[in-house]
Amino acid sequence: MKRLLAAAAALAIAFTGLTGVANAESNGGVRIMPLGDSITYGTGVPGGYRIGLWQRLAAARYTNDFVGSQFNGPGSLWDHDHEGHPGWRIDQIDANATAWMRTYNPRSVLLHIGTNDVLQNYNVAGAPGRLSTLLDHLTAAAPNADVFVAQLIPIGWASGDAAVRTFNSALPGIVQSKVNAGKRVHLVDMHSAVSAADLPDGVHPNAAGYDKMAAVWYNALRSVPGSIGNPRAAAAAATPATGELAAATLGSAAGAKGRTFGAAVANGHLGESAYTTTLVREFTGVTPENEMKWDATEPARGSFRFGAAVAIVNHAQSHGQKVRGHTLVWHAQVPAWATAIGSGSDLLAAMRNHINGVAGHYRGKIVYWDVVNEAFNEDGTRRPSIFQQRIGNSYIEEAFRAARAADGSAKLCYNDYNTDNQNAKSNGVYTMVRDFKARGVPIDCVGFQAHLSAGQNLSTLQANLQRFAALGVDVNITELDVTGSGSAQANTYGQVVRACLAVSRCTSITTWGVTDKYSWRSSGTPLLFDGNYTKKQAYTAVLQAFGAA
């Protein structure tokens, strides 16, 4: 108890810097209210996560206005307003929340509150209920605001963090109940972003810890359209003084150009700290590598298994990352029971049921689905897969129609390799997509895997992307990796990014993995981070292509 009381007292200490009642700085942008206790205030590092969040927003050319009655942080933080109140519990925030919402009318609220309920041992069992009431008051006062609710960061000793985890476990159900009621409430997993090593006093993050929080808030905001507005055009963007912006990340650089930058993710690596830290910091989209494929999701007919993929989806959503589903129908990794089906009609029924079971399970959570994968030969003819042989040419169309019925909100994609340039294979795919669009078959995008080698000829890449886009579909770089190293590898990465940027409907770029050491082409060192998660020359080339380095 002494330790809890000492920590609670620390939460009430105001640190020096620019501090006090807000001077009502206004930047004329979309209003964001940082709301909470001393962690929002920035005890130990005045300004706290607001420093890194502001830097990321500015680097990506968003125009935002932090709002609130409090004011603190370093001079380099352009906007110091907030509602971070050291020592306050949920009930104390709730007593003022309605008035604050009506006074400042924020478009988005970043809520991290409950730590003091634990530290002060203030009816901890009732804390989730108090939070639920607070959310009702916030959303009633500003029904058009998006309220982002963070699961609490850790407390640096076992008993404290156990109480935090219990509190956090109640939040998904609370948030879902608000969503079901039509309220704009979003859950944010902040607990896994910060470690005990980031908490020098056991409660408040150090600078690195606050910056991790900033990255999570930034990704969460960017995942909800309208919550921070739209980035300004580069030519109109004001340029802060050198050193005032945080280093751009792949995700923020792509976001400034209206693109998502993703990575293929393996559930088995999410327990590795360096892996998840890099994933959360750098990427704004994820694609499960194998966890959504047929053999992983329906190992026995009609018996579905989603655990590993659900873990990836939940992790992505808690960090504001978009999810690409991969893949519903592919000639590989098909379970033995499906390959043993001899009847075309029976295989078609099994395929439809599989698509309905998997896509339906993730309905509303997937931005893009790779519905059919790698169905063409190099000469532009159809690959003789079991689906082609037993169902016939119609199987791809049937798969897309089944996917649309299963999930009406996801964009449905055809995905393939060696189609990056204009060639016989990409011509075959183009002919199919053109036919589908003419006949109303529900296809929304085409994925270009881009498994490349350094120095590879990509002279028709941009024109190829553009001709598909002209059919009325999005185009995505879906599995990018480039074997090689140094400037040759960097140049190829840069060329791909520039081609995507030149085509307005090229909406995302995904690398097939995070680090070289886990790449399926690991001997060719094809990714942007080496085996020690060090940024490679190709990483800088990508930022330069986005205009962020």
Protein backbone atom coordinates (compact mmCIF):
# COMPACT_ATOMS: atom_id res chain seq x y z
CA MET A 1 0.00 0.00 0.00
CA LYS A 2 2.86 2.42 0.74
CA ARG A 3 4.15 1.90 -2.77
CA LEU A 4 0.71 2.62 -4.23
CA LEU A 5 0.30 5.80 -2.21
CA ALA A 6 3.76 7.03 -3.11
CA ALA A 7 3.08 6.46 -6.77
CA ALA A 8 -0.30 8.16 -6.47
CA ALA A 9 1.37 11.18 -4.94
CA ALA A 10 3.82 11.27 -7.81
CA LEU A 11 0.91 11.43 -10.22
CA ALA A 12 -0.18 14.69 -8.68
CA ILE A 13 3.16 16.47 -9.09
CA ALA A 14 3.29 19.15 -11.78
CA PHE A 15 6.61 19.39 -13.58
CA THR A 16 8.32 22.49 -14.84
CA GLY A 17 8.35 23.60 -18.45
CA LEU A 18 5.55 25.55 -20.11
CA THR A 19 2.85 24.77 -17.59
CA GLY A 20 -0.49 26.06 -16.40
CA VAL A 21 -3.96 26.88 -17.59
CA ALA A 22 -4.30 26.69 -21.35
CA ASN A 23 -3.55 29.76 -23.39
CA ALA A 24 -6.06 28.42 -25.91
CA GLU A 25 -3.55 28.01 -28.72
CA SER A 26 -5.49 27.53 -31.93
CA ASN A 27 -3.95 26.22 -35.13
CA GLY A 28 -7.17 26.27 -37.08
CA GLY A 29 -7.08 22.52 -37.64
CA VAL A 30 -9.10 19.45 -36.70
CA ARG A 31 -9.45 19.48 -32.91
CA ILE A 32 -8.00 16.68 -30.79
CA MET A 33 -8.46 16.51 -27.01
CA PRO A 34 -5.77 14.54 -25.11
CA LEU A 35 -7.74 13.49 -21.98
CA GLY A 36 -6.52 11.77 -18.84
CA ASP A 37 -4.19 12.10 -15.86
CA SER A 38 -0.47 12.76 -15.41
CA ILE A 39 0.37 10.34 -18.22
CA THR A 40 -1.49 12.64 -20.60
CA TYR A 41 0.13 15.62 -18.85
CA GLY A 42 3.58 14.12 -19.35
CA THR A 43 4.99 13.70 -15.88
CA GLY A 44 8.72 13.13 -16.15
CA VAL A 45 8.77 14.35 -19.75
CA PRO A 46 6.59 17.48 -19.95
CA GLY A 47 4.35 17.14 -22.96
CA GLY A 48 4.56 13.35 -22.83
CA TYR A 49 3.13 11.49 -25.80
CA ARG A 50 1.76 14.74 -27.20
CA ILE A 51 5.27 15.66 -28.40
CA GLY A 52 5.67 12.60 -30.63
CA LEU A 53 2.06 12.70 -31.75
CA TRP A 54 2.31 16.34 -32.80
CA GLN A 55 5.55 15.63 -34.65
CA ARG A 56 4.01 12.75 -36.57
CA LEU A 57 0.93 14.75 -37.49
CA ALA A 58 3.08 17.64 -38.67
CA ALA A 59 5.46 15.40 -40.61
CA ALA A 60 2.50 13.88 -42.44
CA ARG A 61 1.12 17.40 -43.12
CA TYR A 62 -2.05 17.10 -41.07
CA THR A 63 -3.40 20.33 -39.59
CA ASN A 64 -4.59 19.75 -36.05
CA ASP A 65 -5.40 21.71 -32.94
CA PHE A 66 -4.87 20.15 -29.50
CA VAL A 67 -7.58 21.48 -27.19
CA GLY A 68 -8.17 21.56 -23.43
CA SER A 69 -7.93 23.73 -20.35
CA GLN A 70 -4.37 22.72 -19.44
CA PHE A 71 -1.10 23.81 -21.01
CA ASN A 72 2.40 22.37 -20.74
CA GLY A 73 5.34 20.98 -22.67
CA PRO A 74 8.56 22.17 -24.29
CA GLY A 75 8.73 25.21 -26.50
CA SER A 76 9.29 22.97 -29.53
CA LEU A 77 5.81 21.47 -29.02
CA TRP A 78 3.78 23.78 -31.20
CA ASP A 79 0.47 23.16 -29.40
CA HIS A 80 0.51 22.67 -25.62
CA ASP A 81 -3.24 22.40 -24.83
CA HIS A 82 -4.65 19.26 -23.24
CA GLU A 83 -6.84 17.87 -20.47
CA GLY A 84 -4.24 15.88 -18.55
CA HIS A 85 -4.85 16.21 -14.79
CA PRO A 86 -2.21 14.66 -12.50
CA GLY A 87 -3.72 12.54 -9.74
CA TRP A 88 -7.22 12.43 -11.17
CA ARG A 89 -9.40 9.33 -11.28
CA ILE A 90 -12.16 8.39 -13.72
CA ASP A 91 -14.88 9.97 -11.59
CA GLN A 92 -13.02 13.28 -11.42
CA ILE A 93 -12.60 13.40 -15.18
CA ASP A 94 -16.26 12.46 -15.58
CA ALA A 95 -17.39 15.34 -13.36
CA ASN A 96 -15.91 17.80 -15.88
CA ALA A 97 -16.10 15.93 -19.16
CA THR A 98 -19.41 17.24 -20.44
CA ALA A 99 -18.39 20.86 -19.90
CA TRP A 100 -15.03 20.30 -21.61
CA MET A 101 -16.64 18.63 -24.62
CA ARG A 102 -19.12 21.47 -25.03
CA THR A 103 -16.46 24.14 -24.57
CA TYR A 104 -13.83 22.72 -26.94
CA ASN A 105 -15.97 20.60 -29.30
CA PRO A 106 -13.17 18.16 -30.22
CA ARG A 107 -13.38 16.02 -33.34
CA SER A 108 -11.36 13.30 -31.59
CA VAL A 109 -10.68 12.42 -27.96
CA LEU A 110 -7.66 10.42 -26.79
CA LEU A 111 -8.67 8.90 -23.46
CA HIS A 112 -6.18 7.19 -21.15
CA ILE A 113 -7.64 7.08 -17.64
CA GLY A 114 -7.89 4.65 -14.74
CA THR A 115 -4.32 4.44 -13.45
CA ASN A 116 -5.15 6.49 -10.36
CA ASP A 117 -8.17 4.34 -9.60
CA VAL A 118 -5.68 1.49 -9.28
CA LEU A 119 -2.97 3.42 -7.44
CA GLN A 120 -5.40 4.96 -4.97
CA ASN A 121 -7.21 1.63 -4.57
CA TYR A 122 -10.41 3.51 -5.29
CA ASN A 123 -13.11 0.83 -5.73
CA VAL A 124 -11.03 -0.76 -8.45
CA ALA A 125 -13.71 -3.35 -9.22
CA GLY A 126 -16.07 -0.54 -10.12
CA ALA A 127 -13.60 1.29 -12.37
CA PRO A 128 -14.78 -0.31 -15.64
CA GLY A 129 -18.35 0.73 -14.85
CA ARG A 130 -17.23 4.28 -14.16
CA LEU A 131 -15.37 4.32 -17.46
CA SER A 132 -18.49 3.14 -19.27
CA THR A 133 -20.46 6.01 -17.74
CA LEU A 134 -17.73 8.47 -18.74
CA LEU A 135 -17.93 7.25 -22.35
CA ASP A 136 -21.69 7.76 -22.32
CA HIS A 137 -21.22 11.34 -21.16
CA LEU A 138 -18.49 12.08 -23.71
CA THR A 139 -20.48 10.71 -26.63
CA ALA A 140 -23.70 12.39 -25.50
CA ALA A 141 -21.97 15.78 -25.29
CA ALA A 142 -20.30 15.37 -28.70
CA PRO A 143 -22.03 12.58 -30.66
CA ASN A 144 -20.00 13.25 -33.81
CA ALA A 145 -16.64 12.99 -32.06
CA ASP A 146 -14.50 9.86 -32.28
CA VAL A 147 -13.47 8.71 -28.80
CA PHE A 148 -10.35 6.54 -28.69
CA VAL A 149 -10.17 4.56 -25.46
CA ALA A 150 -6.76 3.23 -24.46
CA GLN A 151 -6.18 0.14 -22.43
CA LEU A 152 -3.88 1.35 -19.65
CA ILE A 153 -0.12 1.15 -19.97
CA PRO A 154 1.52 -1.18 -17.45
CA ILE A 155 2.38 -0.47 -13.83
CA GLY A 156 5.90 -1.53 -13.04
CA TRP A 157 5.23 -4.01 -10.25
CA ALA A 158 3.28 -7.25 -10.28
CA SER A 159 0.29 -6.40 -8.09
CA GLY A 160 -0.27 -3.06 -9.78
CA ASP A 161 -0.02 -4.46 -13.27
CA ALA A 162 -2.32 -7.35 -12.37
CA ALA A 163 -4.98 -4.79 -11.43
CA VAL A 164 -4.32 -2.92 -14.67
CA ARG A 165 -4.72 -6.09 -16.70
CA THR A 166 -8.01 -6.89 -14.99
CA PHE A 167 -9.26 -3.39 -15.76
CA ASN A 168 -8.05 -3.62 -19.35
CA SER A 169 -9.79 -6.97 -19.88
CA ALA A 170 -13.16 -5.30 -19.36
CA LEU A 171 -12.60 -2.62 -21.98
CA PRO A 172 -13.23 -4.59 -25.21
CA GLY A 173 -16.72 -5.51 -24.07
CA ILE A 174 -17.46 -1.97 -22.95
CA VAL A 175 -16.26 -0.47 -26.20
CA GLN A 176 -18.16 -3.01 -28.28
CA SER A 177 -21.36 -2.21 -26.40
CA LYS A 178 -20.93 1.46 -27.30
CA VAL A 179 -20.24 0.60 -30.93
CA ASN A 180 -23.37 -1.59 -30.99
CA ALA A 181 -25.30 1.43 -29.73
CA GLY A 182 -24.08 3.47 -32.69
CA LYS A 183 -21.44 5.46 -30.80
CA ARG A 184 -18.10 6.43 -32.30
CA VAL A 185 -15.87 4.69 -29.76
CA HIS A 186 -12.63 2.87 -30.62
CA LEU A 187 -10.45 0.57 -28.52
CA VAL A 188 -6.69 1.17 -28.51
CA ASP A 189 -4.20 -1.34 -27.07
CA MET A 190 -1.69 0.86 -25.30
CA HIS A 191 -0.65 -1.74 -22.73
CA SER A 192 1.39 -3.87 -25.12
CA ALA A 193 3.15 -0.84 -26.61
CA VAL A 194 4.93 0.15 -23.39
CA SER A 195 7.09 -2.14 -21.28
CA ALA A 196 8.17 -1.96 -17.65
CA ALA A 197 11.62 -0.93 -18.90
CA ASP A 198 10.02 2.26 -20.22
CA LEU A 199 8.72 3.23 -16.74
CA PRO A 200 11.54 4.63 -14.59
CA ASP A 201 9.22 5.29 -11.64
CA GLY A 202 6.99 2.31 -12.36
CA VAL A 203 4.13 4.51 -13.57
CA HIS A 204 5.26 7.20 -15.99
CA PRO A 205 7.07 6.49 -19.26
CA ASN A 206 10.45 7.87 -20.17
CA ALA A 207 10.84 9.74 -23.46
CA ALA A 208 11.04 6.50 -25.44
CA GLY A 209 7.93 5.14 -23.75
CA TYR A 210 5.93 8.29 -24.41
CA ASP A 211 7.01 8.14 -28.04
CA LYS A 212 5.74 4.57 -28.27
CA MET A 213 2.40 5.84 -27.00
CA ALA A 214 2.50 8.59 -29.62
CA ALA A 215 2.98 6.03 -32.38
CA VAL A 216 -0.02 4.02 -31.21
CA TRP A 217 -2.27 7.08 -30.95
CA TYR A 218 -1.14 8.24 -34.40
CA ASN A 219 -1.89 4.90 -36.04
CA ALA A 220 -5.27 4.70 -34.29
CA LEU A 221 -6.24 8.18 -35.47
CA ARG A 222 -5.18 7.46 -39.04
CA SER A 223 -7.28 4.29 -39.08
CA VAL A 224 -10.53 6.25 -38.64
CA PRO A 225 -11.41 8.47 -41.61
CA GLY A 226 -12.02 12.08 -40.64
CA SER A 227 -10.65 11.83 -37.12
CA ILE A 228 -7.65 14.03 -37.98
CA GLY A 229 -8.77 15.44 -41.32
CA ASN A 230 -6.71 15.07 -44.47
CA PRO A 231 -3.04 15.95 -45.01
CA ARG A 232 -2.23 19.14 -46.82
CA ALA A 233 -0.66 19.10 -50.26
CA ALA A 234 3.14 19.14 -50.08
CA ALA A 235 3.46 22.51 -51.78
CA ALA A 236 1.19 24.16 -49.24
CA ALA A 237 2.68 22.57 -46.16
CA ALA A 238 4.39 24.74 -43.60
CA THR A 239 7.84 23.47 -42.71
CA PRO A 240 8.80 23.51 -39.02
CA ALA A 241 12.34 24.29 -38.06
CA THR A 242 14.94 21.58 -38.48
CA GLY A 243 14.95 19.11 -35.61
CA GLU A 244 11.34 19.77 -34.59
CA LEU A 245 9.89 16.83 -36.49
CA ALA A 246 10.23 13.24 -35.44
CA ALA A 247 11.89 11.03 -38.01
CA ALA A 248 9.32 9.86 -40.54
CA THR A 249 8.31 6.21 -40.52
CA LEU A 250 7.26 4.09 -43.47
CA GLY A 251 3.65 4.39 -42.40
CA SER A 252 3.66 8.14 -41.80
CA ALA A 253 5.52 8.82 -45.05
CA ALA A 254 3.04 6.73 -47.01
CA GLY A 255 0.13 8.23 -45.12
CA ALA A 256 1.20 11.73 -46.11
CA LYS A 257 0.67 10.59 -49.70
CA GLY A 258 -2.65 8.92 -48.97
CA ARG A 259 -1.23 5.40 -49.03
CA THR A 260 -0.99 2.54 -46.56
CA PHE A 261 2.40 0.89 -45.98
CA GLY A 262 1.98 -2.63 -44.67
CA ALA A 263 3.88 -5.80 -43.88
CA ALA A 264 3.10 -9.49 -43.96
CA VAL A 265 2.93 -10.73 -40.38
CA ALA A 266 3.35 -14.14 -38.76
CA ASN A 267 1.49 -14.73 -35.53
CA GLY A 268 4.38 -16.77 -34.19
CA HIS A 269 6.63 -13.68 -34.14
CA LEU A 270 4.26 -11.33 -32.30
CA GLY A 271 5.79 -12.41 -29.02
CA GLU A 272 9.18 -11.03 -30.06
CA SER A 273 9.60 -7.50 -28.74
CA ALA A 274 11.81 -6.17 -31.54
CA TYR A 275 9.45 -7.60 -34.14
CA THR A 276 6.29 -6.04 -32.68
CA THR A 277 8.03 -2.74 -31.88
CA THR A 278 9.14 -2.39 -35.50
CA LEU A 279 5.77 -3.53 -36.80
CA VAL A 280 3.81 -1.03 -34.70
CA ARG A 281 6.21 1.87 -35.26
CA GLU A 282 6.69 1.54 -39.00
CA PHE A 283 3.64 -0.05 -40.61
CA THR A 284 0.02 1.00 -40.99
CA GLY A 285 -1.23 -2.23 -42.53
CA VAL A 286 -0.78 -5.97 -41.99
CA THR A 287 -1.34 -9.11 -44.06
CA PRO A 288 -1.35 -12.50 -42.29
CA GLU A 289 1.29 -14.59 -44.04
CA ASN A 290 -0.32 -18.01 -43.69
CA GLU A 291 -2.90 -17.81 -40.94
CA MET A 292 -5.91 -17.14 -43.23
CA LYS A 293 -5.10 -19.72 -45.89
CA TRP A 294 -7.39 -22.67 -46.45
CA ASP A 295 -5.32 -25.33 -44.66
CA ALA A 296 -4.98 -23.09 -41.61
CA THR A 297 -8.62 -22.03 -41.37
CA GLU A 298 -10.56 -25.16 -42.43
CA PRO A 299 -8.36 -28.19 -41.78
CA ALA A 300 -11.41 -30.47 -41.82
CA ARG A 301 -14.49 -29.86 -43.93
CA GLY A 302 -16.88 -27.50 -42.19
CA SER A 303 -14.60 -27.21 -39.15
CA PHE A 304 -13.10 -23.75 -38.95
CA ARG A 305 -10.13 -22.60 -36.89
CA PHE A 306 -9.42 -18.89 -36.51
CA GLY A 307 -7.23 -18.45 -33.43
CA ALA A 308 -3.90 -17.50 -35.03
CA ALA A 309 -5.46 -15.15 -37.57
CA VAL A 310 -7.71 -13.56 -34.95
CA ALA A 311 -4.62 -12.77 -32.88
CA ILE A 312 -3.12 -10.89 -35.84
CA VAL A 313 -6.35 -9.03 -36.59
CA ASN A 314 -6.82 -8.02 -32.96
CA HIS A 315 -3.22 -6.87 -32.67
CA ALA A 316 -3.56 -4.83 -35.85
CA GLN A 317 -6.83 -3.21 -34.86
CA SER A 318 -5.54 -2.31 -31.40
CA HIS A 319 -2.70 -0.42 -33.09
CA GLY A 320 -4.79 1.26 -35.74
CA GLN A 321 -3.46 -0.86 -38.60
CA LYS A 322 -5.54 -1.93 -41.60
CA VAL A 323 -5.84 -5.65 -42.35
CA ARG A 324 -5.57 -7.32 -45.73
CA GLY A 325 -7.07 -10.82 -45.86
CA HIS A 326 -4.91 -13.40 -47.63
CA THR A 327 -6.10 -15.62 -49.26
CA LEU A 328 -9.44 -17.38 -49.83
CA VAL A 329 -8.74 -19.50 -52.94
CA TRP A 330 -5.24 -20.60 -53.94
CA HIS A 331 -3.86 -23.69 -55.62
CA ALA A 332 -1.40 -24.24 -52.74
CA GLN A 333 -1.92 -24.95 -49.04
CA VAL A 334 -5.25 -26.61 -49.76
CA PRO A 335 -6.13 -29.28 -47.16
CA ALA A 336 -6.10 -32.91 -48.25
CA TRP A 337 -9.85 -33.29 -47.82
CA ALA A 338 -10.47 -30.57 -50.43
CA THR A 339 -7.96 -31.90 -52.96
CA ALA A 340 -9.64 -35.30 -52.66
CA ILE A 341 -12.99 -33.97 -53.87
CA GLY A 342 -13.56 -35.38 -57.35
CA SER A 343 -16.83 -33.69 -58.26
CA GLY A 344 -16.80 -30.17 -59.67
CA SER A 345 -20.15 -29.34 -58.13
CA ASP A 346 -19.04 -30.62 -54.74
CA LEU A 347 -15.76 -28.69 -54.89
CA LEU A 348 -17.69 -25.54 -55.86
CA ALA A 349 -19.97 -26.03 -52.85
CA ALA A 350 -16.96 -26.55 -50.59
CA MET A 351 -15.26 -23.44 -52.00
CA ARG A 352 -18.35 -21.31 -51.47
CA ASN A 353 -18.76 -22.59 -47.94
CA HIS A 354 -15.10 -21.94 -47.18
CA ILE A 355 -15.29 -18.36 -48.46
CA ASN A 356 -18.48 -17.72 -46.51
CA GLY A 357 -17.01 -19.20 -43.36
CA VAL A 358 -13.73 -17.27 -43.45
CA ALA A 359 -14.72 -13.95 -45.02
CA GLY A 360 -17.94 -13.97 -43.03
CA HIS A 361 -16.04 -14.50 -39.80
CA TYR A 362 -13.99 -11.34 -40.39
CA ARG A 363 -16.85 -9.31 -41.88
CA GLY A 364 -16.21 -5.60 -41.35
CA LYS A 365 -12.61 -6.09 -40.19
CA ILE A 366 -10.82 -6.57 -43.52
CA VAL A 367 -10.08 -3.68 -45.87
CA TYR A 368 -8.95 -5.79 -48.84
CA TRP A 369 -9.42 -9.52 -49.47
CA ASP A 370 -7.14 -11.45 -51.81
CA VAL A 371 -10.03 -13.58 -53.02
CA VAL A 372 -8.15 -15.60 -55.63
CA ASN A 373 -4.39 -15.94 -55.72
CA GLU A 374 -2.03 -16.96 -58.56
CA ALA A 375 -4.53 -18.43 -61.02
CA PHE A 376 -2.54 -17.71 -64.22
CA ASN A 377 0.41 -19.31 -65.99
CA GLU A 378 3.28 -17.23 -67.33
CA ASP A 379 1.80 -17.32 -70.84
CA GLY A 380 -1.47 -15.78 -69.69
CA THR A 381 -3.52 -18.98 -69.68
CA ARG A 382 -5.23 -20.39 -66.62
CA ARG A 383 -3.16 -22.45 -64.16
CA PRO A 384 -4.45 -26.06 -64.08
CA SER A 385 -5.32 -26.02 -60.38
CA ILE A 386 -7.88 -28.40 -58.90
CA PHE A 387 -10.40 -25.56 -59.08
CA GLN A 388 -9.73 -24.92 -62.77
CA GLN A 389 -9.77 -28.62 -63.62
CA ARG A 390 -12.91 -29.59 -61.72
CA ILE A 391 -15.03 -26.44 -61.67
CA GLY A 392 -13.76 -24.80 -64.85
CA ASN A 393 -13.24 -21.20 -65.94
CA SER A 394 -16.13 -19.96 -63.82
CA TYR A 395 -14.48 -20.70 -60.48
CA ILE A 396 -12.80 -17.30 -60.15
CA GLU A 397 -16.04 -15.45 -60.83
CA GLU A 398 -17.87 -17.76 -58.42
CA ALA A 399 -15.27 -17.04 -55.74
CA PHE A 400 -15.69 -13.27 -56.10
CA ARG A 401 -19.47 -13.49 -55.95
CA ALA A 402 -19.27 -15.64 -52.83
CA ALA A 403 -16.84 -13.21 -51.21
CA ARG A 404 -19.13 -10.27 -51.89
CA ALA A 405 -22.02 -12.13 -50.30
CA ALA A 406 -19.89 -12.94 -47.26
CA ASP A 407 -18.52 -9.43 -46.73
CA GLY A 408 -20.11 -6.50 -48.49
CA SER A 409 -17.64 -3.94 -47.13
CA ALA A 410 -14.23 -5.39 -48.01
CA LYS A 411 -12.65 -4.62 -51.38
CA LEU A 412 -12.17 -7.82 -53.34
CA CYS A 413 -8.88 -8.44 -55.14
CA TYR A 414 -7.17 -10.76 -57.56
CA ASN A 415 -3.49 -11.24 -56.62
CA ASP A 416 -0.55 -12.65 -58.62
CA TYR A 417 3.23 -12.60 -59.17
CA ASN A 418 5.30 -11.78 -62.27
CA THR A 419 2.53 -9.44 -63.40
CA ASP A 420 4.37 -6.25 -62.43
CA ASN A 421 5.33 -5.37 -65.99
CA GLN A 422 3.22 -5.57 -69.12
CA ASN A 423 3.69 -9.14 -70.33
CA ALA A 424 1.71 -12.19 -71.38
CA LYS A 425 0.71 -13.03 -67.83
CA SER A 426 -0.43 -9.54 -66.88
CA ASN A 427 -2.27 -9.35 -70.21
CA GLY A 428 -4.21 -12.47 -69.25
CA VAL A 429 -5.14 -10.99 -65.90
CA TYR A 430 -6.06 -7.68 -67.55
CA THR A 431 -8.42 -9.41 -69.96
CA MET A 432 -10.15 -11.19 -67.08
CA VAL A 433 -10.54 -8.02 -65.01
CA ARG A 434 -11.87 -6.08 -68.00
CA ASP A 435 -14.43 -8.83 -68.60
CA PHE A 436 -15.43 -8.91 -64.93
CA LYS A 437 -15.95 -5.15 -64.82
CA ALA A 438 -18.00 -5.24 -68.02
CA ARG A 439 -20.27 -8.00 -66.67
CA GLY A 440 -20.61 -6.67 -63.12
CA VAL A 441 -18.57 -9.37 -61.41
CA PRO A 442 -17.61 -7.80 -58.04
CA ILE A 443 -13.88 -7.17 -58.37
CA ASP A 444 -12.47 -4.04 -56.74
CA CYS A 445 -8.69 -4.32 -56.94
CA VAL A 446 -5.72 -6.15 -58.37
CA GLY A 447 -2.67 -7.06 -56.32
CA PHE A 448 0.82 -7.10 -57.82
CA GLN A 449 3.08 -9.19 -55.61
CA ALA A 450 6.37 -7.63 -56.74
CA HIS A 451 8.79 -10.34 -55.68
CA LEU A 452 11.77 -8.69 -57.34
CA SER A 453 15.54 -8.70 -57.66
CA ALA A 454 17.78 -5.64 -57.37
CA GLY A 455 18.18 -3.95 -60.73
CA GLN A 456 15.26 -5.80 -62.30
CA ASN A 457 13.76 -4.14 -65.35
CA LEU A 458 10.54 -2.39 -64.29
CA SER A 459 10.23 -0.13 -67.30
CA THR A 460 6.51 -0.79 -67.78
CA LEU A 461 5.48 -1.09 -64.12
CA GLN A 462 3.85 2.34 -63.89
CA ALA A 463 2.04 2.00 -67.21
CA ASN A 464 0.87 -1.47 -66.20
CA LEU A 465 -0.56 -0.23 -62.91
CA GLN A 466 -2.22 2.65 -64.72
CA ARG A 467 -3.95 0.48 -67.34
CA PHE A 468 -5.49 -1.68 -64.61
CA ALA A 469 -6.55 1.39 -62.64
CA ALA A 470 -8.22 2.71 -65.80
CA LEU A 471 -10.53 -0.32 -65.66
CA GLY A 472 -11.95 1.09 -62.42
CA VAL A 473 -10.08 -0.98 -59.83
CA ASP A 474 -7.58 -0.13 -57.13
CA VAL A 475 -4.07 -1.44 -57.63
CA ASN A 476 -1.93 -2.60 -54.71
CA ILE A 477 1.69 -3.70 -54.31
CA THR A 478 1.00 -6.68 -52.11
CA GLU A 479 4.12 -8.76 -51.38
CA LEU A 480 7.10 -6.54 -52.16
CA ASP A 481 10.58 -7.84 -51.52
CA VAL A 482 13.78 -7.25 -53.48
CA THR A 483 16.71 -9.62 -53.25
CA GLY A 484 20.10 -7.92 -53.19
CA SER A 485 21.66 -5.17 -51.13
CA GLY A 486 23.02 -1.67 -51.11
CA SER A 487 22.21 0.97 -53.70
CA ALA A 488 20.91 -1.49 -56.32
CA GLN A 489 18.31 -2.84 -53.92
CA ALA A 490 17.51 0.67 -52.71
CA ASN A 491 17.00 1.94 -56.25
CA THR A 492 14.55 -0.84 -57.05
CA TYR A 493 12.52 -0.19 -53.91
CA GLY A 494 12.44 3.50 -54.77
CA GLN A 495 11.30 2.77 -58.31
CA VAL A 496 8.35 0.71 -57.06
CA VAL A 497 7.25 3.43 -54.64
CA ARG A 498 7.49 6.13 -57.30
CA ALA A 499 5.44 4.03 -59.73
CA CYS A 500 2.74 3.58 -57.12
CA LEU A 501 2.69 7.29 -56.30
CA ALA A 502 2.26 8.12 -59.99
CA VAL A 503 -1.02 6.14 -60.12
CA SER A 504 -3.78 7.66 -58.03
CA ARG A 505 -5.53 4.33 -57.50
CA CYS A 506 -2.39 2.65 -56.15
CA THR A 507 -3.52 2.74 -52.55
CA SER A 508 -1.11 0.52 -50.65
CA ILE A 509 2.33 -1.05 -50.61
CA THR A 510 3.03 -4.14 -48.51
CA THR A 511 6.39 -5.80 -47.97
CA TRP A 512 6.35 -9.56 -47.55
CA GLY A 513 7.67 -9.54 -44.02
CA VAL A 514 9.28 -7.21 -41.51
CA THR A 515 12.86 -8.42 -41.16
CA ASP A 516 15.28 -10.34 -43.39
CA LYS A 517 15.72 -13.07 -40.82
CA TYR A 518 12.14 -14.28 -41.18
CA SER A 519 11.75 -13.68 -44.91
CA TRP A 520 10.88 -16.62 -47.17
CA ARG A 521 13.83 -15.35 -49.27
CA SER A 522 16.10 -14.71 -46.29
CA SER A 523 19.29 -15.67 -48.10
CA GLY A 524 18.64 -12.79 -50.49
CA THR A 525 18.19 -10.21 -47.68
CA PRO A 526 15.14 -8.76 -49.47
CA LEU A 527 13.43 -6.55 -46.87
CA LEU A 528 13.87 -3.07 -45.42
CA PHE A 529 15.18 -4.21 -42.02
CA ASP A 530 18.08 -6.60 -41.56
CA GLY A 531 18.12 -9.49 -39.11
CA ASN A 532 18.82 -7.10 -36.23
CA TYR A 533 15.98 -4.76 -37.26
CA THR A 534 18.44 -2.15 -38.46
CA LYS A 535 17.13 0.10 -41.22
CA LYS A 536 18.83 -0.61 -44.52
CA GLN A 537 19.74 1.69 -47.38
CA ALA A 538 16.53 0.59 -49.08
CA TYR A 539 14.55 1.95 -46.11
CA THR A 540 15.94 5.43 -46.71
CA ALA A 541 15.24 5.08 -50.42
CA VAL A 542 11.58 4.37 -49.68
CA LEU A 543 11.32 7.46 -47.46
CA GLN A 544 13.02 9.53 -50.14
CA ALA A 545 10.60 8.26 -52.76
CA PHE A 546 7.74 9.37 -50.52
CA GLY A 547 9.46 12.74 -50.08
CA ALA A 548 9.95 12.22 -46.34
CA ALA A 549 13.75 12.03 -46.09
